[in-house]
Amino acid sequence: MSLDQLKAFLVRMQADEGLRRAVQAAATADDVAQIAAPLGYVFSGDELLRFSGQRVGRVTVTKQDIPGEYN
């Protein structure tokens, strides 16, 4: 189940400084899902966004609203 995979990834991220930095530098939720996939964690960016506001251990998932550029 994807939710279990997402939670397991967040637990691993707490213990891995490099992984935490990579996730914090990711521009989108899909980017985070792509970081997780090679490590064996399968979830979508959409699932991550729906998890926003929830907490796993010391990690709280927070959706970042970054305005786009306007011409």
C-alpha atoms as a PDB file:
ATOM      1  CA  MET A   1       0.000   0.000   0.000  1.00  0.00           C
ATOM      2  CA  SER A   2       1.323   3.430  -0.954  1.00  0.00           C
ATOM      3  CA  LEU A   3       0.496   5.089   2.362  1.00  0.00           C
ATOM      4  CA  ASP A   4       2.595   2.514   4.203  1.00  0.00           C
ATOM      5  CA  GLN A   5       5.422   3.130   1.729  1.00  0.00           C
ATOM      6  CA  LEU A   6       5.159   6.882   2.276  1.00  0.00           C
ATOM      7  CA  LYS A   7       5.268   6.513   6.053  1.00  0.00           C
ATOM      8  CA  ALA A   8       8.261   4.152   5.849  1.00  0.00           C
ATOM      9  CA  PHE A   9      10.080   6.649   3.619  1.00  0.00           C
ATOM     10  CA  LEU A  10       9.450   9.470   6.103  1.00  0.00           C
ATOM     11  CA  VAL A  11      10.827   7.328   8.931  1.00  0.00           C
ATOM     12  CA  ARG A  12      13.955   6.590   6.885  1.00  0.00           C
ATOM     13  CA  MET A  13      14.334  10.260   6.001  1.00  0.00           C
ATOM     14  CA  GLN A  14      14.513  11.142   9.715  1.00  0.00           C
ATOM     15  CA  ALA A  15      17.631   9.025  10.118  1.00  0.00           C
ATOM     16  CA  ASP A  16      19.384  10.019   6.864  1.00  0.00           C
ATOM     17  CA  GLU A  17      20.658  13.606   6.710  1.00  0.00           C
ATOM     18  CA  GLY A  18      21.541  13.404   3.008  1.00  0.00           C
ATOM     19  CA  LEU A  19      18.107  12.095   2.120  1.00  0.00           C
ATOM     20  CA  ARG A  20      16.474  14.809   4.222  1.00  0.00           C
ATOM     21  CA  ARG A  21      18.467  17.487   2.384  1.00  0.00           C
ATOM     22  CA  ALA A  22      17.527  16.011  -0.999  1.00  0.00           C
ATOM     23  CA  VAL A  23      13.842  16.032  -0.081  1.00  0.00           C
ATOM     24  CA  GLN A  24      14.012  19.591   1.255  1.00  0.00           C
ATOM     25  CA  ALA A  25      15.643  20.711  -2.004  1.00  0.00           C
ATOM     26  CA  ALA A  26      12.980  19.012  -4.157  1.00  0.00           C
ATOM     27  CA  ALA A  27      10.803  21.429  -6.104  1.00  0.00           C
ATOM     28  CA  THR A  28       7.640  19.314  -6.278  1.00  0.00           C
ATOM     29  CA  ALA A  29       5.930  16.409  -4.558  1.00  0.00           C
ATOM     30  CA  ASP A  30       6.565  14.354  -7.699  1.00  0.00           C
ATOM     31  CA  ASP A  31      10.289  15.076  -7.278  1.00  0.00           C
ATOM     32  CA  VAL A  32      10.119  13.653  -3.753  1.00  0.00           C
ATOM     33  CA  ALA A  33       8.386  10.524  -5.080  1.00  0.00           C
ATOM     34  CA  GLN A  34      11.174  10.170  -7.670  1.00  0.00           C
ATOM     35  CA  ILE A  35      13.813  10.432  -4.926  1.00  0.00           C
ATOM     36  CA  ALA A  36      12.026   7.691  -2.979  1.00  0.00           C
ATOM     37  CA  ALA A  37      11.482   5.263  -5.880  1.00  0.00           C
ATOM     38  CA  PRO A  38      15.092   4.044  -6.334  1.00  0.00           C
ATOM     39  CA  LEU A  39      15.193   3.386  -2.589  1.00  0.00           C
ATOM     40  CA  GLY A  40      12.231   1.019  -2.915  1.00  0.00           C
ATOM     41  CA  TYR A  41       9.453   3.330  -1.707  1.00  0.00           C
ATOM     42  CA  VAL A  42       6.531   3.595  -4.114  1.00  0.00           C
ATOM     43  CA  PHE A  43       4.074   6.479  -3.738  1.00  0.00           C
ATOM     44  CA  SER A  44       2.959   9.330  -5.947  1.00  0.00           C
ATOM     45  CA  GLY A  45       3.397  13.043  -5.552  1.00  0.00           C
ATOM     46  CA  ASP A  46      -0.380  13.314  -5.318  1.00  0.00           C
ATOM     47  CA  GLU A  47      -0.421  10.891  -2.381  1.00  0.00           C
ATOM     48  CA  LEU A  48       2.272  12.957  -0.683  1.00  0.00           C
ATOM     49  CA  LEU A  49       0.230  16.134  -1.165  1.00  0.00           C
ATOM     50  CA  ARG A  50      -2.867  14.472   0.309  1.00  0.00           C
ATOM     51  CA  PHE A  51      -0.743  13.529   3.343  1.00  0.00           C
ATOM     52  CA  SER A  52       0.011  17.222   3.998  1.00  0.00           C
ATOM     53  CA  GLY A  53      -0.522  18.279   7.596  1.00  0.00           C
ATOM     54  CA  GLN A  54       0.067  14.809   8.985  1.00  0.00           C
ATOM     55  CA  ARG A  55       3.010  13.793  11.128  1.00  0.00           C
ATOM     56  CA  VAL A  56       5.203  10.683  11.172  1.00  0.00           C
ATOM     57  CA  GLY A  57       7.724  10.681  14.007  1.00  0.00           C
ATOM     58  CA  ARG A  58       9.525  14.024  13.895  1.00  0.00           C
ATOM     59  CA  VAL A  59       8.450  14.805  10.316  1.00  0.00           C
ATOM     60  CA  THR A  60       5.368  16.819   9.470  1.00  0.00           C
ATOM     61  CA  VAL A  61       4.451  16.875   5.798  1.00  0.00           C
ATOM     62  CA  THR A  62       3.750  20.439   4.704  1.00  0.00           C
ATOM     63  CA  LYS A  63       2.609  21.517   1.267  1.00  0.00           C
ATOM     64  CA  GLN A  64       4.561  24.553   0.114  1.00  0.00           C
ATOM     65  CA  ASP A  65       2.608  27.105  -1.890  1.00  0.00           C
ATOM     66  CA  ILE A  66       5.220  28.850  -3.975  1.00  0.00           C
ATOM     67  CA  PRO A  67       3.760  31.441  -6.315  1.00  0.00           C
ATOM     68  CA  GLY A  68       4.814  31.291  -9.931  1.00  0.00           C
ATOM     69  CA  GLU A  69       6.415  34.066 -11.853  1.00  0.00           C
ATOM     70  CA  TYR A  70       4.173  36.482 -13.634  1.00  0.00           C
ATOM     71  CA  ASN A  71       5.120  38.508 -16.681  1.00  0.00           C
END
